[in-house]
Amino acid sequence: MASIIPNTFLGRILGDSAEISAAIDPVGDTIKGMLLTSSHTPNADTDVFIDDVSANEIAATGSYSAGGVTLTTSASTDDTDDEGVFDATDMTVTSATIPDTQWLVIYKDTGTPSTSPIICEIDFGSAQSCSNGTFTVTFAAEGIINIS
């Protein structure tokens, strides 16, 4: 899976004064995963808040509702690989009929789409589907984002 990390998120973690006011606490904040269709075209410069991409969100289905699924996240350091790691438990949507999803957008949910910053966009590589079943996004064993 390829990831897109918006430039504004990079600014937040690097302390850019223009971005720091919208700090993200990966464990204390509500972090969600939103599924987007294959029509989505990511842009690291313009995909800043969730309302920049939500027009391509899949329809609510099964346990998936508009705005996505709340993730159980963690942040840690890996002294063996000398990196910071942002991770989450795998995301599962049950009783779902999903005809077309290719992207998972992870974001901080502030309750207002125009102020809910995007953390990253993950490409599944091709359109995925599910018919009245369980759709699971399995995150890499090394985590979602590794910063070394």
N, C-alpha and C. Protein backbone atom coordinates (compact mmCIF):
# COMPACT_ATOMS: atom_id res chain seq x y z
N MET A 1 0.83 -1.18 0.00
CA MET A 1 0.00 0.00 0.00
C MET A 1 0.88 1.25 0.00
N ALA A 2 0.59 2.17 -0.87
CA ALA A 2 1.29 3.44 -0.92
C ALA A 2 0.57 4.45 -0.04
N SER A 3 1.32 5.30 0.63
CA SER A 3 0.71 6.33 1.48
C SER A 3 1.04 7.71 0.96
N ILE A 4 0.09 8.60 1.08
CA ILE A 4 0.27 10.01 0.78
C ILE A 4 0.16 10.73 2.11
N ILE A 5 1.16 11.52 2.45
CA ILE A 5 1.11 12.31 3.69
C ILE A 5 1.03 13.77 3.28
N PRO A 6 -0.10 14.45 3.57
CA PRO A 6 -0.26 15.85 3.18
C PRO A 6 0.84 16.74 3.76
N ASN A 7 1.24 17.73 3.00
CA ASN A 7 2.29 18.65 3.44
C ASN A 7 1.92 19.36 4.73
N THR A 8 0.64 19.63 4.96
CA THR A 8 0.24 20.31 6.20
C THR A 8 0.47 19.40 7.41
N PHE A 9 0.29 18.08 7.26
CA PHE A 9 0.57 17.18 8.38
C PHE A 9 2.06 17.17 8.66
N LEU A 10 2.87 17.15 7.62
CA LEU A 10 4.32 17.22 7.82
C LEU A 10 4.69 18.50 8.56
N GLY A 11 4.04 19.61 8.21
CA GLY A 11 4.28 20.87 8.90
C GLY A 11 3.92 20.80 10.37
N ARG A 12 2.83 20.09 10.69
CA ARG A 12 2.41 19.96 12.09
C ARG A 12 3.46 19.21 12.90
N ILE A 13 3.98 18.11 12.37
CA ILE A 13 4.93 17.32 13.15
C ILE A 13 6.32 17.95 13.17
N LEU A 14 6.60 18.85 12.22
CA LEU A 14 7.90 19.52 12.20
C LEU A 14 7.87 20.88 12.88
N GLY A 15 6.70 21.29 13.41
CA GLY A 15 6.61 22.52 14.17
C GLY A 15 6.42 23.78 13.36
N ASP A 16 5.97 23.68 12.11
CA ASP A 16 5.70 24.85 11.27
C ASP A 16 4.65 25.71 11.95
N SER A 17 5.00 26.97 12.26
CA SER A 17 4.08 27.84 13.01
C SER A 17 2.77 28.08 12.29
N ALA A 18 2.75 27.96 10.97
CA ALA A 18 1.52 28.14 10.21
C ALA A 18 0.58 26.94 10.39
N GLU A 19 1.11 25.80 10.82
CA GLU A 19 0.32 24.57 10.93
C GLU A 19 0.13 24.09 12.36
N ILE A 20 0.98 24.49 13.27
CA ILE A 20 1.00 23.92 14.61
C ILE A 20 -0.27 24.16 15.40
N SER A 21 -1.04 25.20 15.06
CA SER A 21 -2.27 25.48 15.81
C SER A 21 -3.29 24.34 15.70
N ALA A 22 -3.15 23.51 14.70
CA ALA A 22 -4.05 22.36 14.54
C ALA A 22 -3.29 21.08 14.89
N ALA A 23 -2.66 21.07 16.06
CA ALA A 23 -1.87 19.91 16.48
C ALA A 23 -2.74 18.65 16.54
N ILE A 24 -2.09 17.52 16.35
CA ILE A 24 -2.78 16.23 16.38
C ILE A 24 -2.15 15.36 17.46
N ASP A 25 -2.97 14.88 18.38
CA ASP A 25 -2.53 13.93 19.40
C ASP A 25 -3.01 12.57 18.90
N PRO A 26 -2.12 11.74 18.38
CA PRO A 26 -2.56 10.48 17.75
C PRO A 26 -3.23 9.49 18.70
N VAL A 27 -3.08 9.69 20.00
CA VAL A 27 -3.72 8.78 20.95
C VAL A 27 -4.90 9.46 21.66
N GLY A 28 -4.78 10.74 21.98
CA GLY A 28 -5.82 11.44 22.73
C GLY A 28 -6.97 11.95 21.89
N ASP A 29 -6.72 12.23 20.61
CA ASP A 29 -7.77 12.72 19.71
C ASP A 29 -8.56 11.57 19.12
N THR A 30 -9.76 11.88 18.60
CA THR A 30 -10.54 10.88 17.87
C THR A 30 -9.97 10.79 16.46
N ILE A 31 -9.42 9.63 16.13
CA ILE A 31 -8.82 9.38 14.82
C ILE A 31 -9.73 8.40 14.08
N LYS A 32 -10.07 8.76 12.85
CA LYS A 32 -10.98 7.91 12.07
C LYS A 32 -10.35 7.49 10.75
N GLY A 33 -10.92 6.42 10.19
CA GLY A 33 -10.56 5.95 8.86
C GLY A 33 -11.77 6.07 7.95
N MET A 34 -11.62 6.83 6.86
CA MET A 34 -12.70 7.03 5.90
C MET A 34 -12.34 6.32 4.59
N LEU A 35 -13.26 5.51 4.08
CA LEU A 35 -13.05 4.80 2.82
C LEU A 35 -13.51 5.66 1.65
N LEU A 36 -12.65 5.77 0.64
CA LEU A 36 -12.97 6.54 -0.56
C LEU A 36 -12.99 5.63 -1.78
N THR A 37 -13.75 6.03 -2.78
CA THR A 37 -13.85 5.26 -4.02
C THR A 37 -12.58 5.43 -4.86
N SER A 38 -12.50 4.66 -5.92
CA SER A 38 -11.34 4.75 -6.82
C SER A 38 -11.34 6.04 -7.63
N SER A 39 -12.43 6.84 -7.58
CA SER A 39 -12.43 8.13 -8.29
C SER A 39 -11.56 9.16 -7.60
N HIS A 40 -11.17 8.89 -6.35
CA HIS A 40 -10.35 9.85 -5.60
C HIS A 40 -8.95 9.99 -6.22
N THR A 41 -8.51 11.22 -6.36
CA THR A 41 -7.14 11.52 -6.80
C THR A 41 -6.46 12.29 -5.68
N PRO A 42 -5.49 11.67 -5.00
CA PRO A 42 -4.85 12.34 -3.87
C PRO A 42 -3.96 13.49 -4.31
N ASN A 43 -3.85 14.49 -3.43
CA ASN A 43 -2.98 15.63 -3.70
C ASN A 43 -2.39 16.09 -2.38
N ALA A 44 -1.08 15.91 -2.22
CA ALA A 44 -0.40 16.25 -0.96
C ALA A 44 -0.45 17.74 -0.65
N ASP A 45 -0.72 18.57 -1.66
CA ASP A 45 -0.78 20.02 -1.44
C ASP A 45 -2.17 20.51 -1.07
N THR A 46 -3.22 19.88 -1.61
CA THR A 46 -4.57 20.42 -1.40
C THR A 46 -5.46 19.55 -0.51
N ASP A 47 -5.08 18.32 -0.22
CA ASP A 47 -5.86 17.47 0.69
C ASP A 47 -5.43 17.80 2.11
N VAL A 48 -6.10 18.78 2.71
CA VAL A 48 -5.71 19.28 4.02
C VAL A 48 -6.70 18.80 5.09
N PHE A 49 -7.99 19.05 4.86
CA PHE A 49 -9.03 18.66 5.79
C PHE A 49 -9.94 17.63 5.14
N ILE A 50 -10.69 16.90 5.94
CA ILE A 50 -11.50 15.80 5.42
C ILE A 50 -12.54 16.27 4.41
N ASP A 51 -13.00 17.52 4.52
CA ASP A 51 -13.98 18.00 3.53
C ASP A 51 -13.35 18.18 2.14
N ASP A 52 -12.02 18.14 2.06
CA ASP A 52 -11.35 18.22 0.76
C ASP A 52 -11.46 16.92 -0.03
N VAL A 53 -11.79 15.81 0.65
CA VAL A 53 -11.83 14.50 -0.02
C VAL A 53 -13.16 13.76 0.17
N SER A 54 -14.02 14.23 1.07
CA SER A 54 -15.21 13.46 1.45
C SER A 54 -16.24 13.28 0.34
N ALA A 55 -16.14 14.04 -0.75
CA ALA A 55 -17.08 13.85 -1.86
C ALA A 55 -16.93 12.46 -2.47
N ASN A 56 -15.77 11.83 -2.27
CA ASN A 56 -15.52 10.49 -2.80
C ASN A 56 -15.70 9.38 -1.77
N GLU A 57 -16.31 9.71 -0.61
CA GLU A 57 -16.52 8.69 0.42
C GLU A 57 -17.54 7.66 -0.07
N ILE A 58 -17.34 6.40 0.33
CA ILE A 58 -18.32 5.36 -0.01
C ILE A 58 -19.61 5.62 0.77
N ALA A 59 -20.68 5.01 0.33
CA ALA A 59 -21.97 5.14 1.03
C ALA A 59 -21.94 4.33 2.33
N ALA A 60 -22.71 4.77 3.30
CA ALA A 60 -22.83 4.03 4.55
C ALA A 60 -23.33 2.63 4.25
N THR A 61 -22.74 1.64 4.94
CA THR A 61 -23.12 0.24 4.73
C THR A 61 -22.70 -0.58 5.94
N GLY A 62 -23.57 -1.47 6.40
CA GLY A 62 -23.23 -2.31 7.55
C GLY A 62 -22.81 -1.45 8.73
N SER A 63 -21.65 -1.76 9.33
CA SER A 63 -21.16 -0.99 10.48
C SER A 63 -20.39 0.26 10.07
N TYR A 64 -20.33 0.55 8.77
CA TYR A 64 -19.66 1.77 8.29
C TYR A 64 -20.68 2.89 8.16
N SER A 65 -20.42 4.02 8.83
CA SER A 65 -21.32 5.16 8.72
C SER A 65 -20.57 6.34 8.12
N ALA A 66 -21.31 7.35 7.69
CA ALA A 66 -20.69 8.54 7.10
C ALA A 66 -19.64 9.10 8.05
N GLY A 67 -18.49 9.43 7.51
CA GLY A 67 -17.39 9.93 8.32
C GLY A 67 -16.37 8.86 8.67
N GLY A 68 -16.76 7.60 8.50
CA GLY A 68 -15.80 6.52 8.70
C GLY A 68 -15.89 5.83 10.04
N VAL A 69 -14.82 5.11 10.35
CA VAL A 69 -14.74 4.24 11.53
C VAL A 69 -13.71 4.82 12.50
N THR A 70 -14.06 4.89 13.78
CA THR A 70 -13.11 5.34 14.79
C THR A 70 -12.04 4.26 14.98
N LEU A 71 -10.79 4.68 14.91
CA LEU A 71 -9.67 3.75 15.04
C LEU A 71 -9.11 3.76 16.46
N THR A 72 -8.60 2.62 16.89
CA THR A 72 -7.87 2.53 18.15
C THR A 72 -6.40 2.69 17.79
N THR A 73 -5.83 3.84 18.16
CA THR A 73 -4.49 4.20 17.70
C THR A 73 -3.45 4.13 18.80
N SER A 74 -2.19 4.14 18.37
CA SER A 74 -1.07 4.17 19.30
C SER A 74 0.07 4.95 18.66
N ALA A 75 0.93 5.48 19.52
CA ALA A 75 2.14 6.16 19.07
C ALA A 75 3.26 5.70 19.99
N SER A 76 4.40 5.37 19.40
CA SER A 76 5.50 4.86 20.21
C SER A 76 6.83 5.11 19.50
N THR A 77 7.88 4.79 20.19
CA THR A 77 9.20 4.82 19.56
C THR A 77 9.71 3.39 19.47
N ASP A 78 10.42 3.12 18.42
CA ASP A 78 11.02 1.81 18.19
C ASP A 78 12.53 2.00 18.29
N ASP A 79 13.09 1.64 19.45
CA ASP A 79 14.52 1.85 19.67
C ASP A 79 15.38 0.91 18.82
N THR A 80 14.82 -0.22 18.40
CA THR A 80 15.57 -1.14 17.54
C THR A 80 15.81 -0.52 16.17
N ASP A 81 14.75 0.06 15.60
CA ASP A 81 14.85 0.66 14.25
C ASP A 81 15.06 2.18 14.30
N ASP A 82 15.11 2.74 15.51
CA ASP A 82 15.29 4.18 15.70
C ASP A 82 14.27 4.99 14.91
N GLU A 83 12.99 4.76 15.22
CA GLU A 83 11.92 5.47 14.53
C GLU A 83 10.73 5.69 15.44
N GLY A 84 9.95 6.71 15.09
CA GLY A 84 8.67 6.93 15.74
C GLY A 84 7.61 6.20 14.94
N VAL A 85 6.64 5.62 15.62
CA VAL A 85 5.64 4.80 14.93
C VAL A 85 4.23 5.25 15.32
N PHE A 86 3.41 5.52 14.31
CA PHE A 86 1.97 5.76 14.48
C PHE A 86 1.28 4.52 13.94
N ASP A 87 0.39 3.94 14.73
CA ASP A 87 -0.25 2.69 14.33
C ASP A 87 -1.69 2.66 14.82
N ALA A 88 -2.44 1.68 14.37
CA ALA A 88 -3.82 1.45 14.81
C ALA A 88 -4.12 -0.03 14.69
N THR A 89 -5.11 -0.48 15.45
CA THR A 89 -5.56 -1.85 15.25
C THR A 89 -6.24 -1.91 13.88
N ASP A 90 -6.26 -3.07 13.29
CA ASP A 90 -6.87 -3.23 11.96
C ASP A 90 -8.30 -2.72 11.98
N MET A 91 -8.72 -2.13 10.87
CA MET A 91 -10.07 -1.56 10.75
C MET A 91 -11.00 -2.59 10.12
N THR A 92 -12.13 -2.85 10.77
CA THR A 92 -13.08 -3.84 10.29
C THR A 92 -14.46 -3.22 10.13
N VAL A 93 -15.08 -3.49 8.98
CA VAL A 93 -16.46 -3.08 8.71
C VAL A 93 -17.25 -4.36 8.49
N THR A 94 -18.29 -4.58 9.30
CA THR A 94 -19.06 -5.81 9.21
C THR A 94 -20.37 -5.59 8.46
N SER A 95 -20.93 -6.68 7.96
CA SER A 95 -22.20 -6.68 7.23
C SER A 95 -22.22 -5.62 6.13
N ALA A 96 -21.12 -5.53 5.41
CA ALA A 96 -20.94 -4.45 4.44
C ALA A 96 -21.07 -4.91 3.00
N THR A 97 -21.65 -4.03 2.19
CA THR A 97 -21.63 -4.19 0.74
C THR A 97 -20.94 -2.95 0.20
N ILE A 98 -19.71 -3.15 -0.23
CA ILE A 98 -18.87 -2.05 -0.72
C ILE A 98 -18.49 -2.39 -2.16
N PRO A 99 -19.08 -1.68 -3.14
CA PRO A 99 -18.80 -2.01 -4.53
C PRO A 99 -17.44 -1.51 -5.03
N ASP A 100 -16.90 -0.46 -4.40
CA ASP A 100 -15.68 0.15 -4.94
C ASP A 100 -15.01 1.04 -3.90
N THR A 101 -13.90 0.59 -3.35
CA THR A 101 -13.09 1.46 -2.50
C THR A 101 -11.63 1.20 -2.81
N GLN A 102 -10.86 2.27 -2.93
CA GLN A 102 -9.43 2.13 -3.23
C GLN A 102 -8.56 2.89 -2.24
N TRP A 103 -9.16 3.76 -1.47
CA TRP A 103 -8.39 4.62 -0.58
C TRP A 103 -8.93 4.60 0.84
N LEU A 104 -8.03 4.64 1.81
CA LEU A 104 -8.38 4.85 3.20
C LEU A 104 -7.71 6.14 3.63
N VAL A 105 -8.51 7.10 4.09
CA VAL A 105 -7.98 8.36 4.59
C VAL A 105 -8.07 8.34 6.11
N ILE A 106 -6.94 8.55 6.77
CA ILE A 106 -6.91 8.60 8.22
C ILE A 106 -6.84 10.06 8.62
N TYR A 107 -7.72 10.45 9.55
CA TYR A 107 -7.79 11.86 9.91
C TYR A 107 -8.21 12.06 11.36
N LYS A 108 -7.94 13.26 11.89
CA LYS A 108 -8.40 13.66 13.22
C LYS A 108 -9.80 14.22 13.07
N ASP A 109 -10.77 13.63 13.76
CA ASP A 109 -12.16 14.09 13.69
C ASP A 109 -12.39 15.15 14.76
N THR A 110 -12.59 16.40 14.33
CA THR A 110 -12.89 17.49 15.27
C THR A 110 -14.40 17.67 15.43
N GLY A 111 -15.19 16.94 14.63
CA GLY A 111 -16.63 17.12 14.62
C GLY A 111 -17.08 18.06 13.51
N THR A 112 -16.12 18.75 12.89
CA THR A 112 -16.40 19.66 11.78
C THR A 112 -15.48 19.30 10.62
N PRO A 113 -16.03 18.83 9.49
CA PRO A 113 -15.18 18.38 8.38
C PRO A 113 -14.15 19.42 7.91
N SER A 114 -14.52 20.70 7.94
CA SER A 114 -13.60 21.73 7.43
C SER A 114 -12.45 22.03 8.38
N THR A 115 -12.46 21.44 9.58
CA THR A 115 -11.35 21.61 10.52
C THR A 115 -10.76 20.27 10.96
N SER A 116 -11.14 19.18 10.29
CA SER A 116 -10.65 17.84 10.64
C SER A 116 -9.47 17.49 9.74
N PRO A 117 -8.22 17.62 10.26
CA PRO A 117 -7.05 17.46 9.40
C PRO A 117 -6.76 16.01 9.00
N ILE A 118 -6.32 15.86 7.76
CA ILE A 118 -5.93 14.55 7.22
C ILE A 118 -4.53 14.22 7.71
N ILE A 119 -4.35 12.98 8.17
CA ILE A 119 -3.04 12.49 8.59
C ILE A 119 -2.35 11.80 7.42
N CYS A 120 -3.06 10.89 6.76
CA CYS A 120 -2.49 10.21 5.60
C CYS A 120 -3.59 9.59 4.75
N GLU A 121 -3.22 9.24 3.52
CA GLU A 121 -4.13 8.59 2.58
C GLU A 121 -3.43 7.32 2.10
N ILE A 122 -4.08 6.19 2.28
CA ILE A 122 -3.49 4.90 1.94
C ILE A 122 -4.19 4.33 0.70
N ASP A 123 -3.39 4.00 -0.29
CA ASP A 123 -3.87 3.43 -1.56
C ASP A 123 -3.84 1.91 -1.45
N PHE A 124 -4.96 1.26 -1.71
CA PHE A 124 -5.01 -0.20 -1.69
C PHE A 124 -4.39 -0.81 -2.95
N GLY A 125 -4.03 0.02 -3.91
CA GLY A 125 -3.40 -0.47 -5.14
C GLY A 125 -4.38 -0.70 -6.27
N SER A 126 -5.60 -1.04 -5.93
CA SER A 126 -6.67 -1.22 -6.92
C SER A 126 -7.99 -1.18 -6.16
N ALA A 127 -9.07 -1.09 -6.91
CA ALA A 127 -10.40 -1.05 -6.29
C ALA A 127 -10.67 -2.36 -5.56
N GLN A 128 -11.20 -2.26 -4.35
CA GLN A 128 -11.56 -3.42 -3.54
C GLN A 128 -13.07 -3.42 -3.34
N SER A 129 -13.63 -4.60 -3.10
CA SER A 129 -15.07 -4.67 -2.89
C SER A 129 -15.40 -5.74 -1.86
N CYS A 130 -16.65 -5.71 -1.43
CA CYS A 130 -17.14 -6.67 -0.44
C CYS A 130 -18.65 -6.78 -0.63
N SER A 131 -19.19 -7.99 -0.61
CA SER A 131 -20.62 -8.17 -0.80
C SER A 131 -21.23 -8.83 0.43
N ASN A 132 -21.97 -8.02 1.22
CA ASN A 132 -22.63 -8.49 2.44
C ASN A 132 -21.69 -9.34 3.30
N GLY A 133 -20.52 -8.77 3.58
CA GLY A 133 -19.54 -9.50 4.36
C GLY A 133 -18.72 -8.56 5.23
N THR A 134 -17.53 -9.01 5.58
CA THR A 134 -16.63 -8.23 6.42
C THR A 134 -15.50 -7.67 5.56
N PHE A 135 -15.30 -6.36 5.65
CA PHE A 135 -14.22 -5.67 4.94
C PHE A 135 -13.19 -5.26 5.99
N THR A 136 -11.96 -5.75 5.86
CA THR A 136 -10.92 -5.47 6.84
C THR A 136 -9.74 -4.79 6.18
N VAL A 137 -9.27 -3.72 6.81
CA VAL A 137 -8.02 -3.08 6.41
C VAL A 137 -6.98 -3.53 7.42
N THR A 138 -5.99 -4.28 6.94
CA THR A 138 -4.92 -4.78 7.80
C THR A 138 -3.72 -3.86 7.66
N PHE A 139 -3.36 -3.19 8.74
CA PHE A 139 -2.22 -2.28 8.70
C PHE A 139 -0.92 -3.08 8.80
N ALA A 140 0.14 -2.52 8.24
CA ALA A 140 1.45 -3.17 8.23
C ALA A 140 1.93 -3.42 9.66
N ALA A 141 2.66 -4.51 9.86
CA ALA A 141 3.18 -4.86 11.18
C ALA A 141 4.08 -3.76 11.73
N GLU A 142 4.76 -3.03 10.87
CA GLU A 142 5.66 -1.94 11.29
C GLU A 142 4.91 -0.65 11.61
N GLY A 143 3.59 -0.61 11.41
CA GLY A 143 2.82 0.57 11.71
C GLY A 143 2.33 1.28 10.45
N ILE A 144 1.51 2.30 10.64
CA ILE A 144 0.95 3.06 9.52
C ILE A 144 1.94 4.10 9.02
N ILE A 145 2.54 4.84 9.96
CA ILE A 145 3.56 5.84 9.60
C ILE A 145 4.78 5.59 10.48
N ASN A 146 5.93 5.52 9.84
CA ASN A 146 7.20 5.36 10.55
C ASN A 146 8.06 6.57 10.20
N ILE A 147 8.57 7.24 11.23
CA ILE A 147 9.41 8.40 11.02
C ILE A 147 10.78 8.10 11.62
N SER A 148 11.78 8.14 10.75
CA SER A 148 13.13 7.84 11.25
C SER A 148 14.06 9.01 11.03
